[in-house]
N, C-alpha and C. Protein backbone atom coordinates (compact mmCIF):
# COMPACT_ATOMS: atom_id res chain seq x y z
N MET A 1 8.38 30.07 13.37
CA MET A 1 9.05 29.05 12.57
C MET A 1 9.57 29.69 11.28
N LEU A 2 10.78 29.39 10.89
CA LEU A 2 11.39 29.97 9.71
C LEU A 2 10.63 29.55 8.44
N GLU A 3 10.48 30.50 7.52
CA GLU A 3 9.72 30.22 6.31
C GLU A 3 10.38 29.13 5.48
N ASN A 4 11.74 29.16 5.37
CA ASN A 4 12.39 28.14 4.56
C ASN A 4 12.23 26.75 5.16
N TYR A 5 12.12 26.68 6.48
CA TYR A 5 11.86 25.40 7.14
C TYR A 5 10.47 24.88 6.75
N LYS A 6 9.49 25.78 6.77
CA LYS A 6 8.13 25.40 6.39
C LYS A 6 8.08 24.94 4.94
N GLU A 7 8.82 25.61 4.08
CA GLU A 7 8.83 25.24 2.66
C GLU A 7 9.40 23.83 2.48
N ILE A 8 10.47 23.54 3.20
CA ILE A 8 11.08 22.21 3.12
C ILE A 8 10.10 21.15 3.62
N LEU A 9 9.42 21.46 4.71
CA LEU A 9 8.46 20.52 5.29
C LEU A 9 7.30 20.27 4.32
N ASP A 10 6.80 21.35 3.72
CA ASP A 10 5.70 21.22 2.76
C ASP A 10 6.14 20.42 1.52
N LYS A 11 7.39 20.64 1.09
CA LYS A 11 7.89 19.93 -0.08
C LYS A 11 7.99 18.43 0.19
N SER A 12 8.50 18.07 1.36
CA SER A 12 8.63 16.64 1.68
C SER A 12 7.25 15.99 1.81
N LYS A 13 6.30 16.72 2.39
CA LYS A 13 4.94 16.19 2.50
C LYS A 13 4.33 15.98 1.13
N LYS A 14 4.56 16.93 0.21
CA LYS A 14 4.03 16.79 -1.15
C LYS A 14 4.65 15.60 -1.86
N ARG A 15 5.93 15.40 -1.66
CA ARG A 15 6.59 14.24 -2.29
C ARG A 15 5.98 12.94 -1.79
N VAL A 16 5.74 12.86 -0.49
CA VAL A 16 5.13 11.66 0.09
C VAL A 16 3.73 11.46 -0.47
N LEU A 17 2.95 12.55 -0.52
CA LEU A 17 1.57 12.47 -1.02
C LEU A 17 1.54 12.08 -2.50
N ASP A 18 2.43 12.65 -3.29
CA ASP A 18 2.50 12.31 -4.72
C ASP A 18 2.83 10.83 -4.91
N LEU A 19 3.76 10.33 -4.09
CA LEU A 19 4.08 8.91 -4.16
C LEU A 19 2.86 8.07 -3.82
N GLY A 20 2.12 8.50 -2.80
CA GLY A 20 0.91 7.78 -2.41
C GLY A 20 -0.13 7.75 -3.52
N HIS A 21 -0.32 8.88 -4.20
CA HIS A 21 -1.29 8.93 -5.30
C HIS A 21 -0.86 8.03 -6.47
N ASP A 22 0.44 7.98 -6.73
CA ASP A 22 0.94 7.11 -7.80
C ASP A 22 0.77 5.64 -7.43
N VAL A 23 0.95 5.33 -6.16
CA VAL A 23 0.74 3.95 -5.71
C VAL A 23 -0.72 3.54 -5.92
N ILE A 24 -1.65 4.44 -5.60
CA ILE A 24 -3.07 4.15 -5.81
C ILE A 24 -3.37 3.97 -7.30
N GLN A 25 -2.82 4.85 -8.13
CA GLN A 25 -3.04 4.74 -9.58
C GLN A 25 -2.51 3.41 -10.11
N ALA A 26 -1.32 3.03 -9.67
CA ALA A 26 -0.74 1.76 -10.12
C ALA A 26 -1.57 0.58 -9.63
N TYR A 27 -2.06 0.67 -8.41
CA TYR A 27 -2.89 -0.41 -7.86
C TYR A 27 -4.16 -0.57 -8.68
N ASP A 28 -4.80 0.54 -9.03
CA ASP A 28 -6.02 0.49 -9.83
C ASP A 28 -5.76 -0.16 -11.20
N LEU A 29 -4.63 0.19 -11.81
CA LEU A 29 -4.27 -0.43 -13.09
C LEU A 29 -4.01 -1.92 -12.92
N LEU A 30 -3.42 -2.29 -11.80
CA LEU A 30 -3.16 -3.69 -11.53
C LEU A 30 -4.46 -4.48 -11.45
N LEU A 31 -5.45 -3.93 -10.75
CA LEU A 31 -6.74 -4.61 -10.65
C LEU A 31 -7.40 -4.75 -12.02
N GLU A 32 -7.28 -3.71 -12.84
CA GLU A 32 -7.84 -3.78 -14.18
C GLU A 32 -7.13 -4.85 -15.01
N SER A 33 -5.83 -4.95 -14.84
CA SER A 33 -5.07 -5.95 -15.61
C SER A 33 -5.48 -7.36 -15.21
N PHE A 34 -5.75 -7.58 -13.92
CA PHE A 34 -6.21 -8.89 -13.47
C PHE A 34 -7.60 -9.20 -14.01
N ARG A 35 -8.46 -8.19 -13.96
CA ARG A 35 -9.84 -8.39 -14.40
C ARG A 35 -9.92 -8.70 -15.89
N ASP A 36 -9.09 -8.00 -16.69
CA ASP A 36 -9.16 -8.10 -18.14
C ASP A 36 -8.07 -9.01 -18.73
N GLY A 37 -7.14 -9.48 -17.89
CA GLY A 37 -6.00 -10.23 -18.41
C GLY A 37 -5.14 -9.36 -19.32
N ASP A 38 -5.05 -8.06 -19.00
CA ASP A 38 -4.39 -7.06 -19.85
C ASP A 38 -2.97 -6.80 -19.35
N GLU A 39 -1.99 -7.35 -20.04
CA GLU A 39 -0.61 -7.18 -19.63
C GLU A 39 -0.10 -5.75 -19.85
N ILE A 40 -0.71 -5.02 -20.78
CA ILE A 40 -0.29 -3.64 -21.03
C ILE A 40 -0.56 -2.77 -19.80
N LYS A 41 -1.73 -2.96 -19.18
CA LYS A 41 -2.04 -2.20 -17.97
C LYS A 41 -1.11 -2.59 -16.82
N ALA A 42 -0.73 -3.85 -16.78
CA ALA A 42 0.22 -4.30 -15.76
C ALA A 42 1.57 -3.61 -15.96
N ASP A 43 1.99 -3.48 -17.22
CA ASP A 43 3.25 -2.78 -17.51
C ASP A 43 3.15 -1.31 -17.11
N GLU A 44 2.00 -0.70 -17.35
CA GLU A 44 1.80 0.70 -16.96
C GLU A 44 1.92 0.85 -15.45
N ALA A 45 1.35 -0.11 -14.73
CA ALA A 45 1.43 -0.07 -13.26
C ALA A 45 2.88 -0.15 -12.81
N ARG A 46 3.64 -1.03 -13.41
CA ARG A 46 5.06 -1.17 -13.05
C ARG A 46 5.84 0.10 -13.38
N ASN A 47 5.54 0.70 -14.53
CA ASN A 47 6.28 1.89 -14.95
C ASN A 47 6.01 3.09 -14.05
N ILE A 48 4.78 3.21 -13.58
CA ILE A 48 4.44 4.32 -12.69
C ILE A 48 5.32 4.30 -11.44
N LEU A 49 5.64 3.09 -10.98
CA LEU A 49 6.37 2.94 -9.72
C LEU A 49 7.83 2.55 -9.90
N LYS A 50 8.34 2.63 -11.13
CA LYS A 50 9.70 2.15 -11.37
C LYS A 50 10.75 2.95 -10.62
N ASN A 51 10.46 4.22 -10.29
CA ASN A 51 11.42 5.06 -9.57
C ASN A 51 11.04 5.27 -8.11
N ALA A 52 10.21 4.38 -7.59
CA ALA A 52 9.71 4.56 -6.22
C ALA A 52 10.85 4.61 -5.21
N HIS A 53 11.85 3.77 -5.37
CA HIS A 53 12.96 3.75 -4.41
C HIS A 53 13.79 5.02 -4.51
N ASP A 54 13.99 5.53 -5.72
CA ASP A 54 14.72 6.80 -5.89
C ASP A 54 13.94 7.95 -5.25
N ARG A 55 12.65 7.94 -5.41
CA ARG A 55 11.82 8.99 -4.81
C ARG A 55 11.86 8.91 -3.29
N ASN A 56 11.85 7.69 -2.78
CA ASN A 56 11.96 7.51 -1.33
C ASN A 56 13.30 8.03 -0.82
N SER A 57 14.36 7.80 -1.58
CA SER A 57 15.69 8.28 -1.18
C SER A 57 15.73 9.81 -1.14
N LYS A 58 15.07 10.46 -2.10
CA LYS A 58 15.02 11.92 -2.10
C LYS A 58 14.29 12.44 -0.86
N ILE A 59 13.20 11.78 -0.52
CA ILE A 59 12.45 12.17 0.68
C ILE A 59 13.32 11.98 1.92
N ASP A 60 14.00 10.85 1.99
CA ASP A 60 14.90 10.58 3.12
C ASP A 60 15.96 11.67 3.25
N ASN A 61 16.58 12.01 2.12
CA ASN A 61 17.65 13.01 2.14
C ASN A 61 17.14 14.38 2.57
N GLU A 62 15.96 14.75 2.08
CA GLU A 62 15.38 16.05 2.46
C GLU A 62 15.11 16.09 3.96
N ILE A 63 14.57 14.99 4.48
CA ILE A 63 14.22 14.96 5.90
C ILE A 63 15.48 14.94 6.77
N ILE A 64 16.48 14.19 6.36
CA ILE A 64 17.74 14.16 7.12
C ILE A 64 18.37 15.55 7.15
N LYS A 65 18.33 16.25 6.00
CA LYS A 65 18.86 17.62 5.93
C LYS A 65 18.06 18.55 6.84
N THR A 66 16.74 18.36 6.86
CA THR A 66 15.89 19.18 7.72
C THR A 66 16.24 18.97 9.19
N LEU A 67 16.43 17.71 9.57
CA LEU A 67 16.79 17.40 10.97
C LEU A 67 18.13 18.03 11.33
N ALA A 68 19.07 17.97 10.39
CA ALA A 68 20.41 18.49 10.66
C ALA A 68 20.43 20.02 10.75
N LEU A 69 19.67 20.68 9.89
CA LEU A 69 19.72 22.15 9.82
C LEU A 69 18.85 22.84 10.88
N PHE A 70 17.70 22.23 11.18
CA PHE A 70 16.73 22.95 11.99
C PHE A 70 16.44 22.32 13.36
N SER A 71 16.86 21.08 13.54
CA SER A 71 16.61 20.39 14.82
C SER A 71 15.18 20.61 15.33
N PRO A 72 14.19 20.19 14.56
CA PRO A 72 12.79 20.42 14.96
C PRO A 72 12.46 19.71 16.27
N GLU A 73 11.49 20.25 16.98
CA GLU A 73 11.10 19.68 18.26
C GLU A 73 9.60 19.39 18.27
N ALA A 74 9.20 18.57 19.25
CA ALA A 74 7.78 18.26 19.52
C ALA A 74 7.04 17.85 18.25
N ARG A 75 5.93 18.54 17.93
CA ARG A 75 5.09 18.10 16.81
C ARG A 75 5.84 18.14 15.48
N ASP A 76 6.66 19.17 15.27
CA ASP A 76 7.40 19.26 14.02
C ASP A 76 8.31 18.05 13.83
N LEU A 77 8.92 17.59 14.91
CA LEU A 77 9.79 16.42 14.84
C LEU A 77 8.96 15.18 14.51
N ARG A 78 7.80 15.06 15.13
CA ARG A 78 6.93 13.92 14.86
C ARG A 78 6.51 13.89 13.39
N VAL A 79 6.23 15.06 12.84
CA VAL A 79 5.78 15.14 11.45
C VAL A 79 6.87 14.64 10.50
N VAL A 80 8.10 15.11 10.68
CA VAL A 80 9.16 14.70 9.75
C VAL A 80 9.47 13.21 9.90
N ILE A 81 9.41 12.69 11.13
CA ILE A 81 9.63 11.26 11.33
C ILE A 81 8.51 10.46 10.67
N ALA A 82 7.28 10.94 10.81
CA ALA A 82 6.14 10.25 10.18
C ALA A 82 6.29 10.24 8.67
N HIS A 83 6.69 11.37 8.07
CA HIS A 83 6.90 11.42 6.62
C HIS A 83 7.96 10.42 6.18
N LEU A 84 9.02 10.35 6.95
CA LEU A 84 10.13 9.43 6.65
C LEU A 84 9.62 7.99 6.60
N LYS A 85 8.87 7.60 7.61
CA LYS A 85 8.40 6.23 7.72
C LYS A 85 7.26 5.92 6.75
N ILE A 86 6.39 6.90 6.51
CA ILE A 86 5.30 6.70 5.56
C ILE A 86 5.85 6.47 4.16
N ALA A 87 6.87 7.24 3.77
CA ALA A 87 7.49 7.06 2.46
C ALA A 87 8.06 5.64 2.33
N SER A 88 8.64 5.15 3.40
CA SER A 88 9.17 3.79 3.40
C SER A 88 8.05 2.75 3.23
N GLU A 89 6.94 2.95 3.93
CA GLU A 89 5.80 2.03 3.82
C GLU A 89 5.24 2.04 2.39
N LEU A 90 5.11 3.22 1.80
CA LEU A 90 4.60 3.33 0.43
C LEU A 90 5.53 2.65 -0.57
N THR A 91 6.83 2.76 -0.32
CA THR A 91 7.80 2.12 -1.21
C THR A 91 7.69 0.61 -1.14
N ARG A 92 7.47 0.08 0.05
CA ARG A 92 7.29 -1.37 0.17
C ARG A 92 6.00 -1.81 -0.53
N ILE A 93 4.95 -1.00 -0.42
CA ILE A 93 3.71 -1.32 -1.13
C ILE A 93 3.95 -1.31 -2.63
N SER A 94 4.74 -0.35 -3.10
CA SER A 94 5.04 -0.30 -4.54
C SER A 94 5.79 -1.56 -4.99
N ASP A 95 6.63 -2.09 -4.11
CA ASP A 95 7.33 -3.34 -4.43
C ASP A 95 6.34 -4.49 -4.62
N TYR A 96 5.34 -4.55 -3.74
CA TYR A 96 4.33 -5.61 -3.85
C TYR A 96 3.56 -5.48 -5.16
N ILE A 97 3.19 -4.25 -5.50
CA ILE A 97 2.42 -4.02 -6.73
C ILE A 97 3.24 -4.41 -7.95
N ARG A 98 4.49 -3.99 -7.98
CA ARG A 98 5.35 -4.31 -9.12
C ARG A 98 5.57 -5.82 -9.25
N ALA A 99 5.70 -6.49 -8.11
CA ALA A 99 5.90 -7.94 -8.15
C ALA A 99 4.66 -8.64 -8.72
N CYS A 100 3.48 -8.18 -8.33
CA CYS A 100 2.24 -8.79 -8.81
C CYS A 100 1.96 -8.44 -10.27
N ALA A 101 2.57 -7.37 -10.76
CA ALA A 101 2.29 -6.90 -12.12
C ALA A 101 3.17 -7.56 -13.18
N LYS A 102 3.99 -8.49 -12.77
CA LYS A 102 4.77 -9.23 -13.76
C LYS A 102 3.82 -10.01 -14.66
N ASN A 103 4.15 -10.08 -15.93
CA ASN A 103 3.23 -10.64 -16.92
C ASN A 103 2.76 -12.06 -16.60
N THR A 104 3.67 -12.91 -16.16
CA THR A 104 3.29 -14.29 -15.88
C THR A 104 2.25 -14.35 -14.77
N LYS A 105 2.40 -13.46 -13.76
CA LYS A 105 1.45 -13.47 -12.65
C LYS A 105 0.11 -12.89 -13.07
N VAL A 106 0.13 -11.92 -13.97
CA VAL A 106 -1.13 -11.37 -14.47
C VAL A 106 -1.93 -12.46 -15.17
N GLN A 107 -1.26 -13.29 -15.97
CA GLN A 107 -1.95 -14.37 -16.67
C GLN A 107 -2.53 -15.38 -15.69
N ILE A 108 -1.77 -15.73 -14.66
CA ILE A 108 -2.22 -16.70 -13.67
C ILE A 108 -3.43 -16.17 -12.90
N ILE A 109 -3.33 -14.93 -12.44
CA ILE A 109 -4.40 -14.36 -11.62
C ILE A 109 -5.65 -14.10 -12.46
N ALA A 110 -5.48 -13.64 -13.69
CA ALA A 110 -6.62 -13.41 -14.58
C ALA A 110 -7.41 -14.69 -14.79
N GLU A 111 -6.70 -15.81 -14.87
CA GLU A 111 -7.38 -17.11 -15.05
C GLU A 111 -8.32 -17.41 -13.88
N PHE A 112 -7.92 -17.02 -12.68
CA PHE A 112 -8.73 -17.30 -11.50
C PHE A 112 -9.97 -16.42 -11.44
N PHE A 113 -9.97 -15.33 -12.19
CA PHE A 113 -11.13 -14.44 -12.18
C PHE A 113 -12.34 -15.07 -12.87
N ILE A 114 -12.14 -16.14 -13.63
CA ILE A 114 -13.27 -16.77 -14.30
C ILE A 114 -13.67 -18.07 -13.60
N GLU A 115 -13.04 -18.34 -12.49
CA GLU A 115 -13.36 -19.56 -11.76
C GLU A 115 -14.24 -19.25 -10.55
N ASP A 116 -14.49 -20.27 -9.75
CA ASP A 116 -15.47 -20.14 -8.69
C ASP A 116 -15.01 -19.29 -7.51
N ILE A 117 -13.75 -18.89 -7.49
CA ILE A 117 -13.29 -18.02 -6.40
C ILE A 117 -13.17 -16.56 -6.86
N LYS A 118 -13.75 -16.27 -8.00
CA LYS A 118 -13.68 -14.92 -8.54
C LYS A 118 -14.23 -13.89 -7.56
N GLU A 119 -15.39 -14.19 -6.97
CA GLU A 119 -16.05 -13.23 -6.08
C GLU A 119 -15.19 -12.91 -4.85
N ASP A 120 -14.64 -13.95 -4.25
CA ASP A 120 -13.78 -13.74 -3.08
C ASP A 120 -12.51 -12.98 -3.45
N THR A 121 -11.94 -13.31 -4.61
CA THR A 121 -10.72 -12.64 -5.05
C THR A 121 -10.96 -11.15 -5.27
N GLN A 122 -12.07 -10.81 -5.92
CA GLN A 122 -12.39 -9.40 -6.17
C GLN A 122 -12.65 -8.66 -4.86
N ALA A 123 -13.39 -9.30 -3.94
CA ALA A 123 -13.68 -8.66 -2.65
C ALA A 123 -12.39 -8.41 -1.88
N TYR A 124 -11.50 -9.35 -1.95
CA TYR A 124 -10.20 -9.26 -1.27
C TYR A 124 -9.39 -8.07 -1.80
N MET A 125 -9.31 -7.99 -3.11
CA MET A 125 -8.54 -6.90 -3.72
C MET A 125 -9.18 -5.54 -3.47
N GLN A 126 -10.50 -5.48 -3.45
CA GLN A 126 -11.18 -4.22 -3.18
C GLN A 126 -10.98 -3.77 -1.73
N SER A 127 -10.94 -4.72 -0.80
CA SER A 127 -10.67 -4.36 0.59
C SER A 127 -9.28 -3.76 0.73
N ALA A 128 -8.31 -4.36 0.07
CA ALA A 128 -6.95 -3.82 0.10
C ALA A 128 -6.91 -2.43 -0.54
N ALA A 129 -7.70 -2.24 -1.61
CA ALA A 129 -7.76 -0.93 -2.28
C ALA A 129 -8.32 0.14 -1.34
N LYS A 130 -9.39 -0.21 -0.61
CA LYS A 130 -9.98 0.75 0.33
C LYS A 130 -9.00 1.09 1.44
N SER A 131 -8.26 0.11 1.90
CA SER A 131 -7.25 0.35 2.94
C SER A 131 -6.21 1.34 2.43
N LEU A 132 -5.75 1.11 1.22
CA LEU A 132 -4.72 1.97 0.63
C LEU A 132 -5.21 3.39 0.43
N GLN A 133 -6.43 3.54 -0.07
CA GLN A 133 -7.00 4.87 -0.29
C GLN A 133 -7.14 5.65 1.02
N ALA A 134 -7.59 4.97 2.06
CA ALA A 134 -7.73 5.64 3.36
C ALA A 134 -6.37 6.01 3.93
N ALA A 135 -5.38 5.15 3.71
CA ALA A 135 -4.02 5.42 4.21
C ALA A 135 -3.45 6.69 3.57
N VAL A 136 -3.60 6.82 2.26
CA VAL A 136 -3.07 8.01 1.57
C VAL A 136 -3.85 9.25 2.00
N ALA A 137 -5.16 9.11 2.21
CA ALA A 137 -5.96 10.24 2.69
C ALA A 137 -5.49 10.70 4.07
N SER A 138 -4.98 9.79 4.88
CA SER A 138 -4.54 10.15 6.23
C SER A 138 -3.32 11.07 6.22
N ILE A 139 -2.57 11.07 5.13
CA ILE A 139 -1.36 11.90 5.05
C ILE A 139 -1.71 13.38 5.16
N VAL A 140 -2.88 13.75 4.63
CA VAL A 140 -3.28 15.17 4.65
C VAL A 140 -4.38 15.44 5.68
N ALA A 141 -4.78 14.42 6.43
CA ALA A 141 -5.79 14.64 7.47
C ALA A 141 -5.21 15.54 8.55
N ASP A 142 -6.01 16.48 9.03
CA ASP A 142 -5.46 17.46 9.98
C ASP A 142 -6.21 17.50 11.31
N SER A 143 -6.99 16.47 11.60
CA SER A 143 -7.67 16.43 12.90
C SER A 143 -7.68 15.00 13.43
N GLU A 144 -7.72 14.90 14.75
CA GLU A 144 -7.77 13.58 15.37
C GLU A 144 -9.03 12.84 14.97
N GLU A 145 -10.14 13.57 14.89
CA GLU A 145 -11.42 12.94 14.55
C GLU A 145 -11.38 12.30 13.17
N GLU A 146 -10.82 13.04 12.20
CA GLU A 146 -10.72 12.51 10.84
C GLU A 146 -9.81 11.29 10.80
N LEU A 147 -8.68 11.37 11.50
CA LEU A 147 -7.75 10.25 11.52
C LEU A 147 -8.34 9.02 12.21
N GLU A 148 -9.09 9.24 13.26
CA GLU A 148 -9.73 8.11 13.95
C GLU A 148 -10.72 7.41 13.03
N GLY A 149 -11.45 8.20 12.22
CA GLY A 149 -12.38 7.61 11.26
C GLY A 149 -11.65 6.80 10.20
N LEU A 150 -10.53 7.34 9.69
CA LEU A 150 -9.74 6.62 8.70
C LEU A 150 -9.13 5.35 9.29
N TYR A 151 -8.70 5.46 10.54
CA TYR A 151 -8.13 4.28 11.21
C TYR A 151 -9.18 3.18 11.33
N ARG A 152 -10.38 3.54 11.72
CA ARG A 152 -11.45 2.54 11.84
C ARG A 152 -11.71 1.88 10.49
N ASN A 153 -11.75 2.70 9.44
CA ASN A 153 -12.00 2.16 8.10
C ASN A 153 -10.93 1.16 7.68
N VAL A 154 -9.67 1.56 7.89
CA VAL A 154 -8.57 0.68 7.49
C VAL A 154 -8.55 -0.59 8.33
N ASN A 155 -8.83 -0.43 9.60
CA ASN A 155 -8.84 -1.59 10.50
C ASN A 155 -9.90 -2.61 10.07
N VAL A 156 -11.07 -2.12 9.67
CA VAL A 156 -12.14 -3.00 9.20
C VAL A 156 -11.70 -3.72 7.92
N GLU A 157 -11.15 -2.97 6.97
CA GLU A 157 -10.76 -3.57 5.70
C GLU A 157 -9.59 -4.54 5.88
N GLU A 158 -8.68 -4.21 6.79
CA GLU A 158 -7.55 -5.11 7.05
C GLU A 158 -8.04 -6.43 7.63
N SER A 159 -9.01 -6.36 8.51
CA SER A 159 -9.60 -7.58 9.08
C SER A 159 -10.31 -8.40 8.00
N LYS A 160 -11.01 -7.69 7.09
CA LYS A 160 -11.67 -8.38 5.97
C LYS A 160 -10.64 -9.12 5.12
N CYS A 161 -9.52 -8.45 4.85
CA CYS A 161 -8.47 -9.09 4.05
C CYS A 161 -7.98 -10.37 4.70
N ASP A 162 -7.76 -10.32 6.01
CA ASP A 162 -7.31 -11.51 6.73
C ASP A 162 -8.33 -12.65 6.59
N ASP A 163 -9.60 -12.31 6.77
CA ASP A 163 -10.66 -13.33 6.71
C ASP A 163 -10.78 -13.91 5.31
N ILE A 164 -10.80 -13.03 4.30
CA ILE A 164 -10.97 -13.52 2.92
C ILE A 164 -9.76 -14.32 2.48
N LEU A 165 -8.57 -13.91 2.90
CA LEU A 165 -7.37 -14.67 2.54
C LEU A 165 -7.45 -16.10 3.08
N SER A 166 -7.95 -16.25 4.29
CA SER A 166 -8.11 -17.60 4.87
C SER A 166 -9.04 -18.45 4.01
N VAL A 167 -10.13 -17.83 3.54
CA VAL A 167 -11.08 -18.54 2.68
C VAL A 167 -10.42 -18.93 1.36
N LEU A 168 -9.67 -17.98 0.77
CA LEU A 168 -8.98 -18.25 -0.50
C LEU A 168 -7.97 -19.38 -0.34
N GLU A 169 -7.23 -19.36 0.77
CA GLU A 169 -6.24 -20.41 1.00
C GLU A 169 -6.90 -21.78 1.08
N GLN A 170 -8.01 -21.86 1.78
CA GLN A 170 -8.73 -23.13 1.88
C GLN A 170 -9.24 -23.59 0.51
N SER A 171 -9.77 -22.64 -0.27
CA SER A 171 -10.28 -22.97 -1.60
C SER A 171 -9.17 -23.47 -2.51
N VAL A 172 -8.02 -22.81 -2.45
CA VAL A 172 -6.90 -23.20 -3.32
C VAL A 172 -6.35 -24.56 -2.91
N ILE A 173 -6.27 -24.82 -1.62
CA ILE A 173 -5.79 -26.13 -1.16
C ILE A 173 -6.70 -27.25 -1.66
N GLN A 174 -8.00 -26.99 -1.66
CA GLN A 174 -8.94 -27.97 -2.19
C GLN A 174 -8.72 -28.19 -3.68
N LYS A 175 -8.43 -27.10 -4.40
CA LYS A 175 -8.19 -27.21 -5.83
C LYS A 175 -6.91 -28.00 -6.12
N VAL A 176 -5.89 -27.78 -5.30
CA VAL A 176 -4.65 -28.54 -5.48
C VAL A 176 -4.91 -30.03 -5.32
N TYR A 177 -5.76 -30.37 -4.36
CA TYR A 177 -6.10 -31.79 -4.12
C TYR A 177 -6.84 -32.37 -5.33
N LEU A 178 -7.74 -31.57 -5.93
CA LEU A 178 -8.54 -32.05 -7.05
C LEU A 178 -7.79 -31.99 -8.38
N GLU A 179 -6.90 -30.99 -8.51
CA GLU A 179 -6.16 -30.81 -9.77
C GLU A 179 -4.67 -30.64 -9.50
N PRO A 180 -4.00 -31.68 -9.04
CA PRO A 180 -2.58 -31.57 -8.66
C PRO A 180 -1.67 -31.11 -9.79
N GLU A 181 -2.09 -31.35 -11.03
CA GLU A 181 -1.26 -30.93 -12.17
C GLU A 181 -1.17 -29.40 -12.27
N LYS A 182 -2.10 -28.70 -11.61
CA LYS A 182 -2.08 -27.23 -11.62
C LYS A 182 -1.53 -26.64 -10.32
N ALA A 183 -0.89 -27.47 -9.52
CA ALA A 183 -0.43 -27.03 -8.20
C ALA A 183 0.48 -25.81 -8.27
N GLU A 184 1.38 -25.79 -9.25
CA GLU A 184 2.33 -24.67 -9.36
C GLU A 184 1.59 -23.35 -9.58
N ALA A 185 0.59 -23.37 -10.45
CA ALA A 185 -0.19 -22.15 -10.72
C ALA A 185 -0.99 -21.73 -9.50
N PHE A 186 -1.57 -22.73 -8.81
CA PHE A 186 -2.37 -22.43 -7.61
C PHE A 186 -1.51 -21.75 -6.54
N PHE A 187 -0.31 -22.27 -6.34
CA PHE A 187 0.54 -21.70 -5.29
C PHE A 187 1.12 -20.34 -5.70
N ALA A 188 1.33 -20.14 -7.01
CA ALA A 188 1.75 -18.82 -7.49
C ALA A 188 0.65 -17.80 -7.24
N PHE A 189 -0.59 -18.23 -7.44
CA PHE A 189 -1.74 -17.36 -7.17
C PHE A 189 -1.77 -16.97 -5.69
N LEU A 190 -1.62 -17.95 -4.80
CA LEU A 190 -1.64 -17.67 -3.37
C LEU A 190 -0.51 -16.73 -2.96
N LYS A 191 0.66 -16.94 -3.53
CA LYS A 191 1.80 -16.09 -3.20
C LYS A 191 1.51 -14.64 -3.55
N SER A 192 0.87 -14.42 -4.69
CA SER A 192 0.51 -13.05 -5.09
C SER A 192 -0.57 -12.49 -4.18
N MET A 193 -1.55 -13.32 -3.83
CA MET A 193 -2.64 -12.86 -2.97
C MET A 193 -2.13 -12.40 -1.60
N ARG A 194 -1.12 -13.06 -1.10
CA ARG A 194 -0.59 -12.69 0.22
C ARG A 194 0.03 -11.30 0.20
N LYS A 195 0.48 -10.87 -0.96
CA LYS A 195 1.02 -9.51 -1.06
C LYS A 195 -0.06 -8.46 -0.86
N PHE A 196 -1.29 -8.77 -1.26
CA PHE A 196 -2.38 -7.82 -1.05
C PHE A 196 -2.70 -7.68 0.44
N GLU A 197 -2.57 -8.77 1.17
CA GLU A 197 -2.77 -8.70 2.62
C GLU A 197 -1.70 -7.83 3.26
N ARG A 198 -0.48 -7.91 2.73
CA ARG A 198 0.60 -7.05 3.25
C ARG A 198 0.36 -5.59 2.90
N ILE A 199 -0.24 -5.34 1.74
CA ILE A 199 -0.60 -3.96 1.38
C ILE A 199 -1.56 -3.39 2.41
N SER A 200 -2.53 -4.18 2.80
CA SER A 200 -3.50 -3.74 3.81
C SER A 200 -2.82 -3.51 5.15
N ASP A 201 -1.90 -4.40 5.52
CA ASP A 201 -1.16 -4.23 6.78
C ASP A 201 -0.37 -2.94 6.79
N ARG A 202 0.32 -2.67 5.71
CA ARG A 202 1.15 -1.46 5.63
C ARG A 202 0.29 -0.20 5.53
N SER A 203 -0.88 -0.33 4.97
CA SER A 203 -1.81 0.81 4.95
C SER A 203 -2.21 1.18 6.37
N LEU A 204 -2.44 0.17 7.19
CA LEU A 204 -2.76 0.42 8.60
C LEU A 204 -1.59 1.11 9.30
N ASN A 205 -0.37 0.70 8.98
CA ASN A 205 0.81 1.35 9.55
C ASN A 205 0.86 2.83 9.18
N ILE A 206 0.49 3.15 7.94
CA ILE A 206 0.54 4.54 7.48
C ILE A 206 -0.44 5.41 8.27
N VAL A 207 -1.63 4.89 8.51
CA VAL A 207 -2.61 5.65 9.29
C VAL A 207 -2.12 5.85 10.72
N LYS A 208 -1.50 4.83 11.28
CA LYS A 208 -0.94 4.96 12.63
C LYS A 208 0.14 6.04 12.67
N LEU A 209 0.97 6.09 11.64
CA LEU A 209 2.02 7.11 11.58
C LEU A 209 1.44 8.51 11.42
N SER A 210 0.38 8.63 10.62
CA SER A 210 -0.27 9.93 10.46
C SER A 210 -0.87 10.39 11.78
N TYR A 211 -1.43 9.45 12.52
CA TYR A 211 -2.00 9.79 13.83
C TYR A 211 -0.89 10.19 14.79
N PHE A 212 0.22 9.48 14.73
CA PHE A 212 1.38 9.81 15.56
C PHE A 212 1.86 11.24 15.30
N ALA A 213 1.84 11.65 14.04
CA ALA A 213 2.32 12.99 13.68
C ALA A 213 1.50 14.07 14.38
N ILE A 214 0.21 13.85 14.54
CA ILE A 214 -0.65 14.86 15.17
C ILE A 214 -0.76 14.68 16.69
N LYS A 215 -0.93 13.44 17.11
CA LYS A 215 -1.23 13.18 18.51
C LYS A 215 0.01 12.86 19.35
N GLY A 216 1.00 12.23 18.76
CA GLY A 216 2.17 11.79 19.54
C GLY A 216 1.96 10.42 20.13
N GLY A 217 2.72 10.12 21.17
CA GLY A 217 2.65 8.81 21.80
C GLY A 217 3.66 7.87 21.20
N LYS A 218 3.48 6.58 21.44
CA LYS A 218 4.40 5.57 20.91
C LYS A 218 3.90 5.06 19.57
N ILE A 219 4.86 4.78 18.67
CA ILE A 219 4.52 4.20 17.38
C ILE A 219 4.51 2.68 17.53
N LYS A 220 3.37 2.06 17.28
CA LYS A 220 3.27 0.61 17.35
C LYS A 220 2.86 0.10 15.97
N LEU A 221 3.86 -0.39 15.23
CA LEU A 221 3.61 -0.86 13.88
C LEU A 221 3.65 -2.39 13.83
């Protein structure tokens, strides 16, 4: 394999991994902003990911150039396709984080942290965090065994997110019935919470793509 081809491949992988690490950092800041009602941390989270789409475009362009110049085959082709799609998944996750980090939503969600659904809300967000961390770890995993372990972890956390979201939805509907004057805030809270479930879903997609890069087969996202 040509050295310059390997360099291009390594560079695109590093760009994808760096984006993944920034997404995790922004997510952690987002959780802190919700816990503390700290809008400054929410702004930091948004700023970390403000160029996510531009970074994704650079990754896309590098990979398209690689495909055009080198016409990779078999595993090498799977790897570049996986990088392309993983970058796209991370960019969508960054969109969810930025949307939740808007100041008005931080105030709404922080308010719920002192109410009776605080425990479920925190567990929900932590499950999504674990999914995301495992997904980014899968980008550099180099064995089927390691990837299978990460897949199991993400699958468990994704299922937890689904279950906890159902509980949160039921709790919020009850609150709307008891306090209809707060209905707008309750539904804004639910709308934001559903984005965390999507983060978990897309994290599962990333692990599947990482597995595809090593093992092959069909991509089922």
